[in-house]
């Protein structure tokens, strides 16, 4: 076989390079911005709320249908009981008439100043009314039962679909929240071994850069109802060092509302979850302290504020 010329060899290299370029994987999609993820999270939370509302309305409709079917069944039972009573009355009259060998009503069954024929007519009319009422009740019960059954099938189908959509949306929300978690920045002056180098307070707020970053992240992730207090002189702990902040859940000295208590729970758990990223030292909330390995009950210090029921305390390394 003849050796290839330099020109053909060069052409071959160019062709191979073109194939390699075309076969190369496409560049990864750019990582979404935090603002984009938060916007998606807000939309999906609204979607989940609407799905849950629709699901609950379907449950209410089903309960109403079941109640209607039960009421129809009760009406039928009452009508059938009335018919049984009427049949017994007519049968008794027929038996007495047969025994007396006459079509008249026995005298002892007649009210004073009343004729037998009138009583017989009245009894017959009552019987017919009972029969007609039972027939109507049976028709209504049958119609109600059919409607309730059809509605129940539809509602079960709709509820299943809504629940599926809700679960799907919640899965996406979990994914976005994980991505948001990845966007939480690392605290400053972190050592290679995972420890934290000491920092000096700075700025007009007199707190360390790590403390400031933690405060900014909590303010970004939560709608805080009241003030945040960090530097405080003349007290123990990390406040005078600029390494602690108190996130108030009430005006101070009073128990927070249920909503703000739940908010405090979320803030405390968020701080613990991001402990190794931000450099959190410990969290105190509701007379408990957590260094990262679980909550421990603290001794009673005598007041709502001292026992940290009205604020979440976060100390930094």
C-alpha atoms as a PDB file:
ATOM      1  CA  UNK A   1       0.000   0.000   0.000  1.00  0.00           C
ATOM      2  CA  UNK A   2       1.411   3.412  -1.030  1.00  0.00           C
ATOM      3  CA  UNK A   3       2.360   5.848   1.681  1.00  0.00           C
ATOM      4  CA  UNK A   4       0.010   8.778   2.067  1.00  0.00           C
ATOM      5  CA  UNK A   5       1.159  12.199   0.940  1.00  0.00           C
ATOM      6  CA  UNK A   6       1.684  15.042   3.482  1.00  0.00           C
ATOM      7  CA  UNK A   7      -1.354  16.801   2.069  1.00  0.00           C
ATOM      8  CA  UNK A   8      -3.643  13.830   2.566  1.00  0.00           C
ATOM      9  CA  UNK A   9      -2.202  13.256   6.023  1.00  0.00           C
ATOM     10  CA  UNK A  10      -2.995  16.861   6.963  1.00  0.00           C
ATOM     11  CA  UNK A  11      -6.510  16.526   5.595  1.00  0.00           C
ATOM     12  CA  UNK A  12      -6.956  13.408   7.709  1.00  0.00           C
ATOM     13  CA  UNK A  13      -5.871  15.229  10.851  1.00  0.00           C
ATOM     14  CA  UNK A  14      -8.295  18.062  10.144  1.00  0.00           C
ATOM     15  CA  UNK A  15     -11.142  15.602   9.606  1.00  0.00           C
ATOM     16  CA  UNK A  16     -10.312  13.750  12.812  1.00  0.00           C
ATOM     17  CA  UNK A  17     -10.230  17.014  14.726  1.00  0.00           C
ATOM     18  CA  UNK A  18     -13.633  17.966  13.330  1.00  0.00           C
ATOM     19  CA  UNK A  19     -15.091  14.635  14.424  1.00  0.00           C
ATOM     20  CA  UNK A  20     -13.586  15.051  17.880  1.00  0.00           C
ATOM     21  CA  UNK A  21     -15.049  18.530  18.227  1.00  0.00           C
ATOM     22  CA  UNK A  22     -18.492  17.385  17.130  1.00  0.00           C
ATOM     23  CA  UNK A  23     -18.340  14.451  19.533  1.00  0.00           C
ATOM     24  CA  UNK A  24     -17.261  16.572  22.490  1.00  0.00           C
ATOM     25  CA  UNK A  25     -19.968  16.941  25.133  1.00  0.00           C
ATOM     26  CA  UNK A  26     -21.853  20.212  25.265  1.00  0.00           C
ATOM     27  CA  UNK A  27     -20.824  22.588  28.004  1.00  0.00           C
ATOM     28  CA  UNK A  28     -22.829  22.291  31.189  1.00  0.00           C
ATOM     29  CA  UNK A  29     -25.766  24.624  31.644  1.00  0.00           C
ATOM     30  CA  UNK A  30     -24.875  27.677  33.698  1.00  0.00           C
ATOM     31  CA  UNK A  31     -25.676  27.400  37.374  1.00  0.00           C
ATOM     32  CA  UNK A  32     -28.906  29.303  38.087  1.00  0.00           C
ATOM     33  CA  UNK A  33     -28.661  32.472  40.095  1.00  0.00           C
ATOM     34  CA  UNK A  34     -29.985  32.623  43.624  1.00  0.00           C
ATOM     35  CA  UNK A  35     -32.631  35.163  42.596  1.00  0.00           C
ATOM     36  CA  UNK A  36     -33.858  32.789  39.869  1.00  0.00           C
ATOM     37  CA  UNK A  37     -34.078  29.873  42.295  1.00  0.00           C
ATOM     38  CA  UNK A  38     -35.953  31.967  44.838  1.00  0.00           C
ATOM     39  CA  UNK A  39     -38.422  33.084  42.162  1.00  0.00           C
ATOM     40  CA  UNK A  40     -39.007  29.448  41.156  1.00  0.00           C
ATOM     41  CA  UNK A  41     -39.450  28.469  44.785  1.00  0.00           C
ATOM     42  CA  UNK A  42     -42.049  31.212  45.288  1.00  0.00           C
ATOM     43  CA  UNK A  43     -44.006  30.102  42.208  1.00  0.00           C
ATOM     44  CA  UNK A  44     -43.965  26.464  43.263  1.00  0.00           C
ATOM     45  CA  UNK A  45     -45.020  27.291  46.814  1.00  0.00           C
ATOM     46  CA  UNK A  46     -48.011  29.191  45.399  1.00  0.00           C
ATOM     47  CA  UNK A  47     -48.770  26.217  43.136  1.00  0.00           C
ATOM     48  CA  UNK A  48     -48.657  23.802  46.075  1.00  0.00           C
ATOM     49  CA  UNK A  49     -50.999  26.025  48.103  1.00  0.00           C
ATOM     50  CA  UNK A  50     -53.535  26.053  45.243  1.00  0.00           C
ATOM     51  CA  UNK A  51     -53.269  22.287  44.803  1.00  0.00           C
ATOM     52  CA  UNK A  52     -53.818  21.672  48.507  1.00  0.00           C
ATOM     53  CA  UNK A  53     -56.803  24.037  48.502  1.00  0.00           C
ATOM     54  CA  UNK A  54     -58.336  22.199  45.510  1.00  0.00           C
ATOM     55  CA  UNK A  55     -57.678  18.855  47.213  1.00  0.00           C
ATOM     56  CA  UNK A  56     -59.409  19.993  50.381  1.00  0.00           C
ATOM     57  CA  UNK A  57     -62.442  21.325  48.451  1.00  0.00           C
ATOM     58  CA  UNK A  58     -62.780  17.927  46.770  1.00  0.00           C
ATOM     59  CA  UNK A  59     -62.773  16.274  50.191  1.00  0.00           C
ATOM     60  CA  UNK A  60     -65.535  18.652  51.339  1.00  0.00           C
ATOM     61  CA  UNK A  61     -67.610  17.835  48.251  1.00  0.00           C
ATOM     62  CA  UNK A  62     -67.231  14.125  48.923  1.00  0.00           C
ATOM     63  CA  UNK A  63     -68.304  14.554  52.547  1.00  0.00           C
ATOM     64  CA  UNK A  64     -71.418  16.461  51.427  1.00  0.00           C
ATOM     65  CA  UNK A  65     -72.293  13.734  48.917  1.00  0.00           C
ATOM     66  CA  UNK A  66     -71.899  11.046  51.557  1.00  0.00           C
ATOM     67  CA  UNK A  67     -74.073  13.048  53.958  1.00  0.00           C
ATOM     68  CA  UNK A  68     -76.796  13.405  51.311  1.00  0.00           C
ATOM     69  CA  UNK A  69     -76.738   9.688  50.616  1.00  0.00           C
ATOM     70  CA  UNK A  70     -77.036   8.937  54.327  1.00  0.00           C
ATOM     71  CA  UNK A  71     -79.983  11.344  54.682  1.00  0.00           C
ATOM     72  CA  UNK A  72     -81.733   9.699  51.705  1.00  0.00           C
ATOM     73  CA  UNK A  73     -81.240   6.287  53.304  1.00  0.00           C
ATOM     74  CA  UNK A  74     -82.736   7.585  56.571  1.00  0.00           C
ATOM     75  CA  UNK A  75     -85.771   8.996  54.717  1.00  0.00           C
ATOM     76  CA  UNK A  76     -86.308   5.668  52.999  1.00  0.00           C
ATOM     77  CA  UNK A  77     -86.141   3.757  56.279  1.00  0.00           C
ATOM     78  CA  UNK A  78     -88.702   6.126  57.844  1.00  0.00           C
ATOM     79  CA  UNK A  79     -91.043   5.775  54.873  1.00  0.00           C
ATOM     80  CA  UNK A  80     -90.754   1.997  54.860  1.00  0.00           C
ATOM     81  CA  UNK A  81     -91.527   1.912  58.580  1.00  0.00           C
ATOM     82  CA  UNK A  82     -94.612   4.065  57.984  1.00  0.00           C
ATOM     83  CA  UNK A  83     -95.712   1.767  55.158  1.00  0.00           C
ATOM     84  CA  UNK A  84     -95.355  -1.286  57.383  1.00  0.00           C
ATOM     85  CA  UNK A  85     -97.572   0.388  60.008  1.00  0.00           C
ATOM     86  CA  UNK A  86    -100.164   1.297  57.370  1.00  0.00           C
ATOM     87  CA  UNK A  87    -100.195  -2.259  56.002  1.00  0.00           C
ATOM     88  CA  UNK A  88    -100.772  -3.622  59.496  1.00  0.00           C
ATOM     89  CA  UNK A  89    -103.721  -1.258  59.994  1.00  0.00           C
ATOM     90  CA  UNK A  90    -105.311  -2.246  56.680  1.00  0.00           C
ATOM     91  CA  UNK A  91    -104.692  -5.930  57.326  1.00  0.00           C
ATOM     92  CA  UNK A  92    -106.335  -5.661  60.745  1.00  0.00           C
ATOM     93  CA  UNK A  93    -109.365  -3.939  59.262  1.00  0.00           C
ATOM     94  CA  UNK A  94    -109.633  -6.570  56.537  1.00  0.00           C
ATOM     95  CA  UNK A  95    -109.394  -9.361  59.074  1.00  0.00           C
ATOM     96  CA  UNK A  96    -112.138  -7.898  61.275  1.00  0.00           C
ATOM     97  CA  UNK A  97    -114.365  -7.271  58.275  1.00  0.00           C
ATOM     98  CA  UNK A  98    -113.888 -10.861  57.179  1.00  0.00           C
ATOM     99  CA  UNK A  99    -114.672 -12.165  60.651  1.00  0.00           C
ATOM    100  CA  UNK A 100    -117.803 -10.011  60.829  1.00  0.00           C
ATOM    101  CA  UNK A 101    -118.867 -11.023  57.356  1.00  0.00           C
ATOM    102  CA  UNK A 102    -119.475  -7.381  56.417  1.00  0.00           C
ATOM    103  CA  UNK A 103    -117.720  -4.607  54.539  1.00  0.00           C
ATOM    104  CA  UNK A 104    -118.345  -2.151  57.343  1.00  0.00           C
ATOM    105  CA  UNK A 105    -115.769  -1.184  59.915  1.00  0.00           C
ATOM    106  CA  UNK A 106    -116.281  -2.719  63.382  1.00  0.00           C
ATOM    107  CA  UNK A 107    -117.961  -0.332  65.769  1.00  0.00           C
ATOM    108  CA  UNK A 108    -115.220  -0.513  68.387  1.00  0.00           C
ATOM    109  CA  UNK A 109    -112.756   0.896  65.815  1.00  0.00           C
ATOM    110  CA  UNK A 110    -114.944   3.890  65.077  1.00  0.00           C
ATOM    111  CA  UNK A 111    -114.564   7.231  66.858  1.00  0.00           C
ATOM    112  CA  UNK A 112    -117.743   8.706  68.306  1.00  0.00           C
ATOM    113  CA  UNK A 113    -120.196  10.249  65.764  1.00  0.00           C
ATOM    114  CA  UNK A 114    -118.221   8.760  62.815  1.00  0.00           C
ATOM    115  CA  UNK A 115    -119.398   6.443  60.082  1.00  0.00           C
ATOM    116  CA  UNK A 116    -117.613   3.235  59.086  1.00  0.00           C
ATOM    117  CA  UNK A 117    -117.372   4.224  55.432  1.00  0.00           C
ATOM    118  CA  UNK A 118    -115.688   7.523  56.285  1.00  0.00           C
ATOM    119  CA  UNK A 119    -113.103   5.776  58.453  1.00  0.00           C
ATOM    120  CA  UNK A 120    -112.486   3.187  55.748  1.00  0.00           C
ATOM    121  CA  UNK A 121    -112.013   5.888  53.149  1.00  0.00           C
ATOM    122  CA  UNK A 122    -109.634   7.711  55.460  1.00  0.00           C
ATOM    123  CA  UNK A 123    -107.590   4.591  56.104  1.00  0.00           C
ATOM    124  CA  UNK A 124    -107.465   3.809  52.385  1.00  0.00           C
ATOM    125  CA  UNK A 125    -106.340   7.369  51.563  1.00  0.00           C
ATOM    126  CA  UNK A 126    -103.677   7.196  54.252  1.00  0.00           C
ATOM    127  CA  UNK A 127    -102.441   3.899  52.876  1.00  0.00           C
ATOM    128  CA  UNK A 128    -102.224   5.322  49.364  1.00  0.00           C
ATOM    129  CA  UNK A 129    -100.362   8.368  50.698  1.00  0.00           C
ATOM    130  CA  UNK A 130     -97.922   6.091  52.518  1.00  0.00           C
ATOM    131  CA  UNK A 131     -97.359   4.008  49.378  1.00  0.00           C
ATOM    132  CA  UNK A 132     -96.777   7.105  47.255  1.00  0.00           C
ATOM    133  CA  UNK A 133     -94.423   8.593  49.861  1.00  0.00           C
ATOM    134  CA  UNK A 134     -92.401   5.392  50.007  1.00  0.00           C
ATOM    135  CA  UNK A 135     -92.183   5.287  46.225  1.00  0.00           C
ATOM    136  CA  UNK A 136     -90.903   8.852  46.155  1.00  0.00           C
ATOM    137  CA  UNK A 137     -88.447   8.152  48.943  1.00  0.00           C
ATOM    138  CA  UNK A 138     -87.158   5.076  47.092  1.00  0.00           C
ATOM    139  CA  UNK A 139     -86.701   7.069  43.901  1.00  0.00           C
ATOM    140  CA  UNK A 140     -84.927   9.860  45.754  1.00  0.00           C
ATOM    141  CA  UNK A 141     -82.721   7.422  47.600  1.00  0.00           C
ATOM    142  CA  UNK A 142     -81.804   5.592  44.397  1.00  0.00           C
ATOM    143  CA  UNK A 143     -81.025   8.862  42.617  1.00  0.00           C
ATOM    144  CA  UNK A 144     -79.010  10.183  45.561  1.00  0.00           C
ATOM    145  CA  UNK A 145     -77.090   6.910  45.866  1.00  0.00           C
ATOM    146  CA  UNK A 146     -76.216   6.917  42.153  1.00  0.00           C
ATOM    147  CA  UNK A 147     -75.153  10.566  42.265  1.00  0.00           C
ATOM    148  CA  UNK A 148     -73.088  10.014  45.416  1.00  0.00           C
ATOM    149  CA  UNK A 149     -71.374   6.976  43.893  1.00  0.00           C
ATOM    150  CA  UNK A 150     -70.568   8.846  40.685  1.00  0.00           C
ATOM    151  CA  UNK A 151     -69.336  11.845  42.638  1.00  0.00           C
ATOM    152  CA  UNK A 152     -67.233   9.660  44.921  1.00  0.00           C
ATOM    153  CA  UNK A 153     -65.501   8.053  41.927  1.00  0.00           C
ATOM    154  CA  UNK A 154     -64.820  11.442  40.361  1.00  0.00           C
ATOM    155  CA  UNK A 155     -63.593  12.949  43.609  1.00  0.00           C
ATOM    156  CA  UNK A 156     -61.270  10.008  44.305  1.00  0.00           C
ATOM    157  CA  UNK A 157     -59.831  10.408  40.823  1.00  0.00           C
ATOM    158  CA  UNK A 158     -59.483  14.175  41.174  1.00  0.00           C
ATOM    159  CA  UNK A 159     -58.034  13.899  44.676  1.00  0.00           C
ATOM    160  CA  UNK A 160     -55.488  11.344  43.479  1.00  0.00           C
ATOM    161  CA  UNK A 161     -54.494  13.611  40.616  1.00  0.00           C
ATOM    162  CA  UNK A 162     -54.218  16.646  42.888  1.00  0.00           C
ATOM    163  CA  UNK A 163     -52.164  14.698  45.429  1.00  0.00           C
ATOM    164  CA  UNK A 164     -49.848  13.543  42.641  1.00  0.00           C
ATOM    165  CA  UNK A 165     -49.368  17.093  41.426  1.00  0.00           C
ATOM    166  CA  UNK A 166     -48.792  18.265  44.970  1.00  0.00           C
ATOM    167  CA  UNK A 167     -46.144  15.592  45.551  1.00  0.00           C
ATOM    168  CA  UNK A 168     -44.489  16.487  42.256  1.00  0.00           C
ATOM    169  CA  UNK A 169     -44.375  20.173  43.152  1.00  0.00           C
ATOM    170  CA  UNK A 170     -43.037  19.418  46.637  1.00  0.00           C
ATOM    171  CA  UNK A 171     -40.267  17.280  45.124  1.00  0.00           C
ATOM    172  CA  UNK A 172     -39.238  20.225  42.960  1.00  0.00           C
ATOM    173  CA  UNK A 173     -39.404  22.536  45.982  1.00  0.00           C
ATOM    174  CA  UNK A 174     -37.103  20.172  47.896  1.00  0.00           C
ATOM    175  CA  UNK A 175     -34.689  20.224  44.977  1.00  0.00           C
ATOM    176  CA  UNK A 176     -34.691  24.026  44.794  1.00  0.00           C
ATOM    177  CA  UNK A 177     -34.227  24.327  48.553  1.00  0.00           C
ATOM    178  CA  UNK A 178     -31.198  22.028  48.299  1.00  0.00           C
ATOM    179  CA  UNK A 179     -29.801  24.253  45.562  1.00  0.00           C
ATOM    180  CA  UNK A 180     -30.457  27.319  47.693  1.00  0.00           C
ATOM    181  CA  UNK A 181     -28.663  25.563  50.528  1.00  0.00           C
ATOM    182  CA  UNK A 182     -25.666  25.110  48.235  1.00  0.00           C
ATOM    183  CA  UNK A 183     -25.665  28.868  47.636  1.00  0.00           C
ATOM    184  CA  UNK A 184     -25.111  29.646  51.331  1.00  0.00           C
ATOM    185  CA  UNK A 185     -21.570  31.061  51.361  1.00  0.00           C
ATOM    186  CA  UNK A 186     -18.739  29.915  53.577  1.00  0.00           C
ATOM    187  CA  UNK A 187     -17.749  32.100  56.463  1.00  0.00           C
ATOM    188  CA  UNK A 188     -14.548  34.103  56.315  1.00  0.00           C
ATOM    189  CA  UNK A 189     -11.150  32.975  57.661  1.00  0.00           C
ATOM    190  CA  UNK A 190     -11.877  29.280  57.623  1.00  0.00           C
ATOM    191  CA  UNK A 191      -8.782  27.164  58.239  1.00  0.00           C
ATOM    192  CA  UNK A 192      -7.847  24.206  56.004  1.00  0.00           C
ATOM    193  CA  UNK A 193      -8.598  21.825  58.874  1.00  0.00           C
ATOM    194  CA  UNK A 194     -12.180  23.178  59.160  1.00  0.00           C
ATOM    195  CA  UNK A 195     -11.507  25.396  62.157  1.00  0.00           C
ATOM    196  CA  UNK A 196     -11.929  29.142  62.299  1.00  0.00           C
ATOM    197  CA  UNK A 197      -9.285  31.822  62.737  1.00  0.00           C
ATOM    198  CA  UNK A 198     -10.119  34.602  65.219  1.00  0.00           C
ATOM    199  CA  UNK A 199     -11.569  37.807  63.745  1.00  0.00           C
ATOM    200  CA  UNK A 200     -11.659  41.378  64.994  1.00  0.00           C
ATOM    201  CA  UNK A 201     -14.959  43.286  65.071  1.00  0.00           C
ATOM    202  CA  UNK A 202     -15.269  45.927  62.398  1.00  0.00           C
ATOM    203  CA  UNK A 203     -17.740  48.439  60.953  1.00  0.00           C
ATOM    204  CA  UNK A 204     -20.296  50.609  62.670  1.00  0.00           C
ATOM    205  CA  UNK A 205     -22.163  47.520  63.945  1.00  0.00           C
ATOM    206  CA  UNK A 206     -19.044  46.340  65.859  1.00  0.00           C
ATOM    207  CA  UNK A 207     -19.318  42.699  64.817  1.00  0.00           C
ATOM    208  CA  UNK A 208     -16.940  40.312  63.077  1.00  0.00           C
ATOM    209  CA  UNK A 209     -17.164  39.598  59.327  1.00  0.00           C
ATOM    210  CA  UNK A 210     -18.376  36.034  60.024  1.00  0.00           C
ATOM    211  CA  UNK A 211     -21.106  37.301  62.329  1.00  0.00           C
ATOM    212  CA  UNK A 212     -22.140  39.896  59.767  1.00  0.00           C
ATOM    213  CA  UNK A 213     -22.361  37.259  57.034  1.00  0.00           C
ATOM    214  CA  UNK A 214     -24.519  35.012  59.255  1.00  0.00           C
ATOM    215  CA  UNK A 215     -26.828  37.930  60.072  1.00  0.00           C
ATOM    216  CA  UNK A 216     -27.145  38.934  56.408  1.00  0.00           C
ATOM    217  CA  UNK A 217     -27.960  35.367  55.364  1.00  0.00           C
ATOM    218  CA  UNK A 218     -30.699  35.011  57.984  1.00  0.00           C
ATOM    219  CA  UNK A 219     -32.169  38.379  56.993  1.00  0.00           C
ATOM    220  CA  UNK A 220     -32.145  37.212  53.370  1.00  0.00           C
ATOM    221  CA  UNK A 221     -33.745  33.833  54.046  1.00  0.00           C
ATOM    222  CA  UNK A 222     -36.358  34.817  56.639  1.00  0.00           C
ATOM    223  CA  UNK A 223     -38.859  37.630  57.067  1.00  0.00           C
ATOM    224  CA  UNK A 224     -37.857  38.809  60.522  1.00  0.00           C
ATOM    225  CA  UNK A 225     -40.706  40.328  62.562  1.00  0.00           C
ATOM    226  CA  UNK A 226     -38.623  42.401  64.967  1.00  0.00           C
ATOM    227  CA  UNK A 227     -35.153  43.825  65.540  1.00  0.00           C
ATOM    228  CA  UNK A 228     -31.816  42.013  65.564  1.00  0.00           C
ATOM    229  CA  UNK A 229     -29.376  42.869  68.351  1.00  0.00           C
ATOM    230  CA  UNK A 230     -25.707  41.896  68.054  1.00  0.00           C
ATOM    231  CA  UNK A 231     -22.983  43.907  69.798  1.00  0.00           C
ATOM    232  CA  UNK A 232     -23.692  44.655  73.453  1.00  0.00           C
ATOM    233  CA  UNK A 233     -21.085  45.867  75.925  1.00  0.00           C
ATOM    234  CA  UNK A 234     -20.899  44.992  79.573  1.00  0.00           C
ATOM    235  CA  UNK A 235     -22.220  41.460  79.285  1.00  0.00           C
ATOM    236  CA  UNK A 236     -20.709  38.012  79.143  1.00  0.00           C
ATOM    237  CA  UNK A 237     -20.552  35.614  76.250  1.00  0.00           C
ATOM    238  CA  UNK A 238     -19.901  36.584  72.634  1.00  0.00           C
ATOM    239  CA  UNK A 239     -21.951  39.797  72.424  1.00  0.00           C
ATOM    240  CA  UNK A 240     -19.130  42.132  73.619  1.00  0.00           C
ATOM    241  CA  UNK A 241     -16.778  40.339  71.203  1.00  0.00           C
ATOM    242  CA  UNK A 242     -19.050  41.041  68.238  1.00  0.00           C
ATOM    243  CA  UNK A 243     -19.617  37.326  67.755  1.00  0.00           C
ATOM    244  CA  UNK A 244     -23.311  36.907  68.637  1.00  0.00           C
ATOM    245  CA  UNK A 245     -26.730  38.141  67.516  1.00  0.00           C
ATOM    246  CA  UNK A 246     -30.211  37.943  69.065  1.00  0.00           C
ATOM    247  CA  UNK A 247     -33.079  37.556  66.584  1.00  0.00           C
ATOM    248  CA  UNK A 248     -36.159  38.825  68.389  1.00  0.00           C
ATOM    249  CA  UNK A 249     -39.410  36.883  67.944  1.00  0.00           C
ATOM    250  CA  UNK A 250     -41.433  39.299  70.110  1.00  0.00           C
ATOM    251  CA  UNK A 251     -41.044  42.856  71.383  1.00  0.00           C
ATOM    252  CA  UNK A 252     -39.009  41.446  74.260  1.00  0.00           C
ATOM    253  CA  UNK A 253     -40.048  40.083  77.615  1.00  0.00           C
ATOM    254  CA  UNK A 254     -43.227  38.517  76.214  1.00  0.00           C
ATOM    255  CA  UNK A 255     -43.901  35.152  74.656  1.00  0.00           C
ATOM    256  CA  UNK A 256     -43.962  35.188  70.841  1.00  0.00           C
ATOM    257  CA  UNK A 257     -47.058  34.305  68.859  1.00  0.00           C
ATOM    258  CA  UNK A 258     -47.422  30.760  67.566  1.00  0.00           C
ATOM    259  CA  UNK A 259     -46.348  31.918  64.109  1.00  0.00           C
ATOM    260  CA  UNK A 260     -43.233  33.654  65.413  1.00  0.00           C
ATOM    261  CA  UNK A 261     -42.377  30.698  67.633  1.00  0.00           C
ATOM    262  CA  UNK A 262     -42.483  28.479  64.542  1.00  0.00           C
ATOM    263  CA  UNK A 263     -40.317  31.052  62.745  1.00  0.00           C
ATOM    264  CA  UNK A 264     -37.816  30.927  65.592  1.00  0.00           C
ATOM    265  CA  UNK A 265     -37.727  27.140  65.271  1.00  0.00           C
ATOM    266  CA  UNK A 266     -36.902  27.430  61.572  1.00  0.00           C
ATOM    267  CA  UNK A 267     -34.185  30.042  62.133  1.00  0.00           C
ATOM    268  CA  UNK A 268     -32.566  27.957  64.870  1.00  0.00           C
ATOM    269  CA  UNK A 269     -32.615  24.805  62.735  1.00  0.00           C
ATOM    270  CA  UNK A 270     -31.268  26.712  59.721  1.00  0.00           C
ATOM    271  CA  UNK A 271     -28.363  28.061  61.773  1.00  0.00           C
ATOM    272  CA  UNK A 272     -27.525  24.590  63.069  1.00  0.00           C
ATOM    273  CA  UNK A 273     -27.796  23.107  59.575  1.00  0.00           C
ATOM    274  CA  UNK A 274     -25.326  25.704  58.270  1.00  0.00           C
ATOM    275  CA  UNK A 275     -23.076  25.552  61.309  1.00  0.00           C
ATOM    276  CA  UNK A 276     -20.019  24.213  59.491  1.00  0.00           C
ATOM    277  CA  UNK A 277     -20.445  26.594  56.564  1.00  0.00           C
ATOM    278  CA  UNK A 278     -20.915  29.846  58.443  1.00  0.00           C
ATOM    279  CA  UNK A 279     -18.889  29.107  61.563  1.00  0.00           C
ATOM    280  CA  UNK A 280     -21.754  28.941  64.070  1.00  0.00           C
ATOM    281  CA  UNK A 281     -20.544  28.052  67.555  1.00  0.00           C
ATOM    282  CA  UNK A 282     -23.904  27.345  69.215  1.00  0.00           C
ATOM    283  CA  UNK A 283     -27.586  28.337  69.192  1.00  0.00           C
ATOM    284  CA  UNK A 284     -29.799  29.074  72.216  1.00  0.00           C
ATOM    285  CA  UNK A 285     -33.590  29.049  71.857  1.00  0.00           C
ATOM    286  CA  UNK A 286     -36.450  28.263  74.268  1.00  0.00           C
ATOM    287  CA  UNK A 287     -34.207  27.462  77.261  1.00  0.00           C
ATOM    288  CA  UNK A 288     -32.166  25.003  75.195  1.00  0.00           C
ATOM    289  CA  UNK A 289     -28.676  25.084  73.708  1.00  0.00           C
ATOM    290  CA  UNK A 290     -27.356  23.287  70.634  1.00  0.00           C
ATOM    291  CA  UNK A 291     -23.668  23.025  69.765  1.00  0.00           C
ATOM    292  CA  UNK A 292     -24.467  20.958  66.674  1.00  0.00           C
ATOM    293  CA  UNK A 293     -25.058  17.572  68.271  1.00  0.00           C
ATOM    294  CA  UNK A 294     -28.616  18.090  69.550  1.00  0.00           C
ATOM    295  CA  UNK A 295     -30.578  20.232  71.975  1.00  0.00           C
ATOM    296  CA  UNK A 296     -29.809  20.296  75.706  1.00  0.00           C
ATOM    297  CA  UNK A 297     -32.106  21.870  78.305  1.00  0.00           C
ATOM    298  CA  UNK A 298     -30.638  24.819  80.205  1.00  0.00           C
ATOM    299  CA  UNK A 299     -31.282  25.838  83.793  1.00  0.00           C
ATOM    300  CA  UNK A 300     -34.070  28.311  84.517  1.00  0.00           C
ATOM    301  CA  UNK A 301     -32.673  31.826  84.561  1.00  0.00           C
ATOM    302  CA  UNK A 302     -35.882  33.383  85.830  1.00  0.00           C
ATOM    303  CA  UNK A 303     -37.421  35.280  82.905  1.00  0.00           C
ATOM    304  CA  UNK A 304     -38.702  34.878  79.369  1.00  0.00           C
ATOM    305  CA  UNK A 305     -35.794  36.853  77.949  1.00  0.00           C
ATOM    306  CA  UNK A 306     -33.071  35.218  80.053  1.00  0.00           C
ATOM    307  CA  UNK A 307     -34.445  31.812  79.101  1.00  0.00           C
ATOM    308  CA  UNK A 308     -34.388  32.810  75.421  1.00  0.00           C
ATOM    309  CA  UNK A 309     -38.082  32.303  74.728  1.00  0.00           C
ATOM    310  CA  UNK A 310     -38.450  35.678  73.007  1.00  0.00           C
ATOM    311  CA  UNK A 311     -35.308  35.527  70.829  1.00  0.00           C
ATOM    312  CA  UNK A 312     -32.999  33.127  69.040  1.00  0.00           C
ATOM    313  CA  UNK A 313     -29.390  33.608  70.137  1.00  0.00           C
ATOM    314  CA  UNK A 314     -26.666  32.613  67.667  1.00  0.00           C
ATOM    315  CA  UNK A 315     -23.008  32.695  68.707  1.00  0.00           C
ATOM    316  CA  UNK A 316     -20.182  32.475  66.176  1.00  0.00           C
ATOM    317  CA  UNK A 317     -16.642  31.065  66.338  1.00  0.00           C
END
